[in-house]
Amino acid sequence: MASLVWKRLRPEDLEGFRAYLAALPTAGGPRYGLLGVKASWWTRMGGGARPFVVLLAGGHLALSKRSFRGRRGASRHQYRLSDLRAMKVRRGPLLESVRFTFADGYSLRVGGLPRHQTRPLERYLGGEADALDPENLTPEQLTNFYQAMVAVGVPAGASAGPSRDGEARPPGQS
């Protein structure tokens, strides 16, 4: 699942997903999502990485750690957006990571994100109301958002997902 962050949806699927997002109600619908891995000492030593999904929807941040196999949820935390105390982004030459810190002291670092995936969320939390508009998102950001929604089982509206060669596959084919 973590390798999916490098794939890109076809242009027609991107436009379909963009239209799906634009049709959602702004009050409670998904606004933005990140699909990365939970950074830990084990992953730094070359061990497997657990996929981690951060989904912003309806004034809440849902943090979901997925299992290695079966894409089931291993743990889930949900916080109000007002409980977010800090969001610190560390950008590297190829990847970036983000650390979320909440009012109750819970802190989480999500790594393995392709560059510029956190920029819309930074702009939104900085006060730009239109930062999460689907028209303002790049194809890479839309693809990562789509994959985050699919990973947690939210119907994503696009008809296909990416295949191993980077092109989207028709529904029902692996």
C-alpha atoms as a PDB file:
ATOM      1  CA  MET A   1       0.000   0.000   0.000  1.00  0.00           C
ATOM      2  CA  ALA A   2       2.829   2.431   0.773  1.00  0.00           C
ATOM      3  CA  SER A   3       4.130   2.077  -2.795  1.00  0.00           C
ATOM      4  CA  LEU A   4       0.828   3.494  -4.099  1.00  0.00           C
ATOM      5  CA  VAL A   5       1.836   7.045  -3.183  1.00  0.00           C
ATOM      6  CA  TRP A   6       4.001   7.171  -6.329  1.00  0.00           C
ATOM      7  CA  LYS A   7       1.199   6.288  -8.741  1.00  0.00           C
ATOM      8  CA  ARG A   8      -0.960   8.768 -10.616  1.00  0.00           C
ATOM      9  CA  LEU A   9      -4.559   8.467 -11.768  1.00  0.00           C
ATOM     10  CA  ARG A  10      -5.419   8.975 -15.426  1.00  0.00           C
ATOM     11  CA  PRO A  11      -6.543  12.513 -16.382  1.00  0.00           C
ATOM     12  CA  GLU A  12     -10.177  11.460 -16.845  1.00  0.00           C
ATOM     13  CA  ASP A  13     -10.194   9.789 -13.412  1.00  0.00           C
ATOM     14  CA  LEU A  14      -8.630  12.895 -11.880  1.00  0.00           C
ATOM     15  CA  GLU A  15     -11.375  15.050 -13.374  1.00  0.00           C
ATOM     16  CA  GLY A  16     -14.026  12.598 -12.159  1.00  0.00           C
ATOM     17  CA  PHE A  17     -12.586  12.674  -8.636  1.00  0.00           C
ATOM     18  CA  ARG A  18     -12.327  16.483  -8.772  1.00  0.00           C
ATOM     19  CA  ALA A  19     -16.027  16.683  -9.777  1.00  0.00           C
ATOM     20  CA  TYR A  20     -16.947  14.211  -7.009  1.00  0.00           C
ATOM     21  CA  LEU A  21     -15.148  16.361  -4.405  1.00  0.00           C
ATOM     22  CA  ALA A  22     -16.729  19.562  -5.694  1.00  0.00           C
ATOM     23  CA  ALA A  23     -20.201  17.999  -5.346  1.00  0.00           C
ATOM     24  CA  LEU A  24     -19.655  16.981  -1.698  1.00  0.00           C
ATOM     25  CA  PRO A  25     -21.115  19.188   1.043  1.00  0.00           C
ATOM     26  CA  THR A  26     -18.406  21.411   2.504  1.00  0.00           C
ATOM     27  CA  ALA A  27     -19.675  20.980   6.059  1.00  0.00           C
ATOM     28  CA  GLY A  28     -19.106  17.255   6.615  1.00  0.00           C
ATOM     29  CA  GLY A  29     -17.449  15.750   3.563  1.00  0.00           C
ATOM     30  CA  PRO A  30     -13.816  14.753   3.202  1.00  0.00           C
ATOM     31  CA  ARG A  31     -11.651  17.792   2.507  1.00  0.00           C
ATOM     32  CA  TYR A  32      -8.113  16.387   2.188  1.00  0.00           C
ATOM     33  CA  GLY A  33      -6.145  13.221   2.906  1.00  0.00           C
ATOM     34  CA  LEU A  34      -2.566  12.010   3.208  1.00  0.00           C
ATOM     35  CA  LEU A  35      -1.331   8.455   2.721  1.00  0.00           C
ATOM     36  CA  GLY A  36       2.119   7.792   4.164  1.00  0.00           C
ATOM     37  CA  VAL A  37       3.862   5.514   6.630  1.00  0.00           C
ATOM     38  CA  LYS A  38       4.290   5.824  10.362  1.00  0.00           C
ATOM     39  CA  ALA A  39       7.953   6.638  10.849  1.00  0.00           C
ATOM     40  CA  SER A  40       9.691   4.606  13.542  1.00  0.00           C
ATOM     41  CA  TRP A  41      13.119   3.240  14.411  1.00  0.00           C
ATOM     42  CA  TRP A  42      12.098  -0.078  12.806  1.00  0.00           C
ATOM     43  CA  THR A  43      11.460   1.504   9.397  1.00  0.00           C
ATOM     44  CA  ARG A  44      14.750   3.414   9.629  1.00  0.00           C
ATOM     45  CA  MET A  45      16.550   0.094  10.158  1.00  0.00           C
ATOM     46  CA  GLY A  46      15.007  -1.335   6.992  1.00  0.00           C
ATOM     47  CA  GLY A  47      11.941  -3.025   8.487  1.00  0.00           C
ATOM     48  CA  GLY A  48       8.492  -2.935   7.011  1.00  0.00           C
ATOM     49  CA  ALA A  49       6.431   0.210   7.340  1.00  0.00           C
ATOM     50  CA  ARG A  50       2.794   0.411   8.380  1.00  0.00           C
ATOM     51  CA  PRO A  51       0.665   2.570   6.103  1.00  0.00           C
ATOM     52  CA  PHE A  52      -0.870   5.531   7.887  1.00  0.00           C
ATOM     53  CA  VAL A  53      -3.798   7.639   6.681  1.00  0.00           C
ATOM     54  CA  VAL A  54      -4.604  11.180   7.784  1.00  0.00           C
ATOM     55  CA  LEU A  55      -8.030  12.341   6.621  1.00  0.00           C
ATOM     56  CA  LEU A  56      -9.480  15.804   7.222  1.00  0.00           C
ATOM     57  CA  ALA A  57     -13.288  15.701   7.167  1.00  0.00           C
ATOM     58  CA  GLY A  58     -15.997  17.720   8.835  1.00  0.00           C
ATOM     59  CA  GLY A  59     -13.713  19.696  11.151  1.00  0.00           C
ATOM     60  CA  HIS A  60     -11.967  16.538  12.395  1.00  0.00           C
ATOM     61  CA  LEU A  61      -8.637  14.866  11.709  1.00  0.00           C
ATOM     62  CA  ALA A  62      -8.932  11.076  11.551  1.00  0.00           C
ATOM     63  CA  LEU A  63      -5.617   9.247  12.015  1.00  0.00           C
ATOM     64  CA  SER A  64      -5.743   5.604  10.979  1.00  0.00           C
ATOM     65  CA  LYS A  65      -2.905   3.087  11.132  1.00  0.00           C
ATOM     66  CA  ARG A  66      -3.471   0.237   8.675  1.00  0.00           C
ATOM     67  CA  SER A  67      -2.339  -3.390   9.006  1.00  0.00           C
ATOM     68  CA  PHE A  68       0.435  -4.826   6.838  1.00  0.00           C
ATOM     69  CA  ARG A  69      -1.932  -7.242   5.163  1.00  0.00           C
ATOM     70  CA  GLY A  70      -5.597  -7.033   4.445  1.00  0.00           C
ATOM     71  CA  ARG A  71      -5.619  -3.216   4.676  1.00  0.00           C
ATOM     72  CA  ARG A  72      -7.603  -3.382   7.898  1.00  0.00           C
ATOM     73  CA  GLY A  73      -7.437  -0.632  10.440  1.00  0.00           C
ATOM     74  CA  ALA A  74      -5.005  -1.400  13.265  1.00  0.00           C
ATOM     75  CA  SER A  75      -5.748   1.743  15.276  1.00  0.00           C
ATOM     76  CA  ARG A  76      -7.687   4.936  14.850  1.00  0.00           C
ATOM     77  CA  HIS A  77      -7.664   8.305  16.579  1.00  0.00           C
ATOM     78  CA  GLN A  78     -10.009  11.156  15.837  1.00  0.00           C
ATOM     79  CA  TYR A  79      -9.400  14.742  16.917  1.00  0.00           C
ATOM     80  CA  ARG A  80     -11.231  17.998  16.391  1.00  0.00           C
ATOM     81  CA  LEU A  81      -9.288  20.365  14.184  1.00  0.00           C
ATOM     82  CA  SER A  82      -9.267  22.860  17.061  1.00  0.00           C
ATOM     83  CA  ASP A  83      -7.285  20.324  19.167  1.00  0.00           C
ATOM     84  CA  LEU A  84      -4.368  20.414  16.722  1.00  0.00           C
ATOM     85  CA  ARG A  85      -1.609  22.375  18.478  1.00  0.00           C
ATOM     86  CA  ALA A  86       1.212  22.068  15.961  1.00  0.00           C
ATOM     87  CA  MET A  87       1.955  20.707  12.530  1.00  0.00           C
ATOM     88  CA  LYS A  88       5.621  20.616  11.642  1.00  0.00           C
ATOM     89  CA  VAL A  89       6.716  19.598   8.144  1.00  0.00           C
ATOM     90  CA  ARG A  90      10.194  18.270   7.394  1.00  0.00           C
ATOM     91  CA  ARG A  91      11.043  18.361   3.708  1.00  0.00           C
ATOM     92  CA  GLY A  92      13.760  16.195   2.211  1.00  0.00           C
ATOM     93  CA  PRO A  93      15.074  15.992  -1.338  1.00  0.00           C
ATOM     94  CA  LEU A  94      12.514  13.327  -2.369  1.00  0.00           C
ATOM     95  CA  LEU A  95      10.114  12.795   0.519  1.00  0.00           C
ATOM     96  CA  GLU A  96       8.627  14.782   3.345  1.00  0.00           C
ATOM     97  CA  SER A  97       7.202  13.979   6.742  1.00  0.00           C
ATOM     98  CA  VAL A  98       4.801  15.779   9.025  1.00  0.00           C
ATOM     99  CA  ARG A  99       4.455  15.736  12.811  1.00  0.00           C
ATOM    100  CA  PHE A 100       1.033  16.416  14.283  1.00  0.00           C
ATOM    101  CA  THR A 101       0.824  17.427  17.967  1.00  0.00           C
ATOM    102  CA  PHE A 102      -2.547  17.568  19.724  1.00  0.00           C
ATOM    103  CA  ALA A 103      -3.847  19.224  22.903  1.00  0.00           C
ATOM    104  CA  ASP A 104      -3.811  15.987  24.932  1.00  0.00           C
ATOM    105  CA  GLY A 105      -0.103  15.470  24.219  1.00  0.00           C
ATOM    106  CA  TYR A 106      -0.518  12.823  21.507  1.00  0.00           C
ATOM    107  CA  SER A 107       2.073  13.304  18.787  1.00  0.00           C
ATOM    108  CA  LEU A 108       2.380  11.451  15.505  1.00  0.00           C
ATOM    109  CA  ARG A 109       4.929  11.612  12.721  1.00  0.00           C
ATOM    110  CA  VAL A 110       3.784  10.443   9.293  1.00  0.00           C
ATOM    111  CA  GLY A 111       6.628   9.958   6.808  1.00  0.00           C
ATOM    112  CA  GLY A 112       7.176   8.658   3.318  1.00  0.00           C
ATOM    113  CA  LEU A 113       5.017  11.369   1.756  1.00  0.00           C
ATOM    114  CA  PRO A 114       5.874  12.566  -1.736  1.00  0.00           C
ATOM    115  CA  ARG A 115       6.991  16.195  -1.792  1.00  0.00           C
ATOM    116  CA  HIS A 116       4.400  18.943  -1.523  1.00  0.00           C
ATOM    117  CA  GLN A 117       1.613  16.661  -0.231  1.00  0.00           C
ATOM    118  CA  THR A 118       1.251  18.629   3.014  1.00  0.00           C
ATOM    119  CA  ARG A 119       1.288  22.101   1.417  1.00  0.00           C
ATOM    120  CA  PRO A 120      -2.545  22.380   0.979  1.00  0.00           C
ATOM    121  CA  LEU A 121      -3.071  21.353   4.614  1.00  0.00           C
ATOM    122  CA  GLU A 122      -0.460  23.904   5.767  1.00  0.00           C
ATOM    123  CA  ARG A 123      -2.177  26.638   3.779  1.00  0.00           C
ATOM    124  CA  TYR A 124      -5.616  25.650   5.107  1.00  0.00           C
ATOM    125  CA  LEU A 125      -4.456  25.673   8.727  1.00  0.00           C
ATOM    126  CA  GLY A 126      -2.751  29.013   8.015  1.00  0.00           C
ATOM    127  CA  GLY A 127      -6.122  30.582   7.238  1.00  0.00           C
ATOM    128  CA  GLU A 128      -6.521  30.214   3.451  1.00  0.00           C
ATOM    129  CA  ALA A 129     -10.120  29.082   3.040  1.00  0.00           C
ATOM    130  CA  ASP A 130      -9.720  27.944  -0.589  1.00  0.00           C
ATOM    131  CA  ALA A 131      -6.513  25.923  -0.050  1.00  0.00           C
ATOM    132  CA  LEU A 132      -8.395  22.595  -0.146  1.00  0.00           C
ATOM    133  CA  ASP A 133     -10.532  23.351  -3.195  1.00  0.00           C
ATOM    134  CA  PRO A 134     -10.179  20.479  -5.688  1.00  0.00           C
ATOM    135  CA  GLU A 135      -9.332  22.936  -8.491  1.00  0.00           C
ATOM    136  CA  ASN A 136      -6.275  24.113  -6.531  1.00  0.00           C
ATOM    137  CA  LEU A 137      -4.836  20.613  -5.967  1.00  0.00           C
ATOM    138  CA  THR A 138      -2.149  19.153  -8.227  1.00  0.00           C
ATOM    139  CA  PRO A 139      -2.652  15.716  -9.859  1.00  0.00           C
ATOM    140  CA  GLU A 140      -0.204  14.189  -7.346  1.00  0.00           C
ATOM    141  CA  GLN A 141      -2.095  15.670  -4.393  1.00  0.00           C
ATOM    142  CA  LEU A 142      -5.430  14.480  -5.788  1.00  0.00           C
ATOM    143  CA  THR A 143      -4.055  10.980  -6.354  1.00  0.00           C
ATOM    144  CA  ASN A 144      -2.714  10.796  -2.778  1.00  0.00           C
ATOM    145  CA  PHE A 145      -6.064  12.072  -1.450  1.00  0.00           C
ATOM    146  CA  TYR A 146      -7.937   9.463  -3.522  1.00  0.00           C
ATOM    147  CA  GLN A 147      -5.707   6.673  -2.237  1.00  0.00           C
ATOM    148  CA  ALA A 148      -6.107   7.827   1.366  1.00  0.00           C
ATOM    149  CA  MET A 149      -9.882   7.654   1.004  1.00  0.00           C
ATOM    150  CA  VAL A 150      -9.746   4.215  -0.603  1.00  0.00           C
ATOM    151  CA  ALA A 151      -7.386   2.944   2.129  1.00  0.00           C
ATOM    152  CA  VAL A 152      -9.869   3.741   4.888  1.00  0.00           C
ATOM    153  CA  GLY A 153     -12.852   2.472   2.901  1.00  0.00           C
ATOM    154  CA  VAL A 154     -14.511   5.796   2.070  1.00  0.00           C
ATOM    155  CA  PRO A 155     -16.154   5.643  -1.377  1.00  0.00           C
ATOM    156  CA  ALA A 156     -13.937   7.894  -3.451  1.00  0.00           C
ATOM    157  CA  GLY A 157     -16.085   8.520  -6.518  1.00  0.00           C
ATOM    158  CA  ALA A 158     -13.342   7.826  -9.091  1.00  0.00           C
ATOM    159  CA  SER A 159     -13.946   4.757 -11.212  1.00  0.00           C
ATOM    160  CA  ALA A 160     -10.478   3.258 -11.148  1.00  0.00           C
ATOM    161  CA  GLY A 161      -7.313   3.024  -9.122  1.00  0.00           C
ATOM    162  CA  PRO A 162      -3.692   3.074 -10.198  1.00  0.00           C
ATOM    163  CA  SER A 163      -1.982  -0.054 -11.448  1.00  0.00           C
ATOM    164  CA  ARG A 164       1.617  -1.147 -10.980  1.00  0.00           C
ATOM    165  CA  ASP A 165       2.773   0.622 -14.129  1.00  0.00           C
ATOM    166  CA  GLY A 166       1.363   3.965 -12.962  1.00  0.00           C
ATOM    167  CA  GLU A 167      -1.720   3.913 -15.181  1.00  0.00           C
ATOM    168  CA  ALA A 168      -5.178   3.448 -13.755  1.00  0.00           C
ATOM    169  CA  ARG A 169      -6.796   0.054 -14.197  1.00  0.00           C
ATOM    170  CA  PRO A 170     -10.425  -0.649 -15.021  1.00  0.00           C
ATOM    171  CA  PRO A 171     -12.637  -1.581 -12.038  1.00  0.00           C
ATOM    172  CA  GLY A 172     -12.507  -5.267 -11.160  1.00  0.00           C
ATOM    173  CA  GLN A 173      -9.004  -5.911 -12.536  1.00  0.00           C
ATOM    174  CA  SER A 174      -5.937  -6.397 -10.348  1.00  0.00           C
END
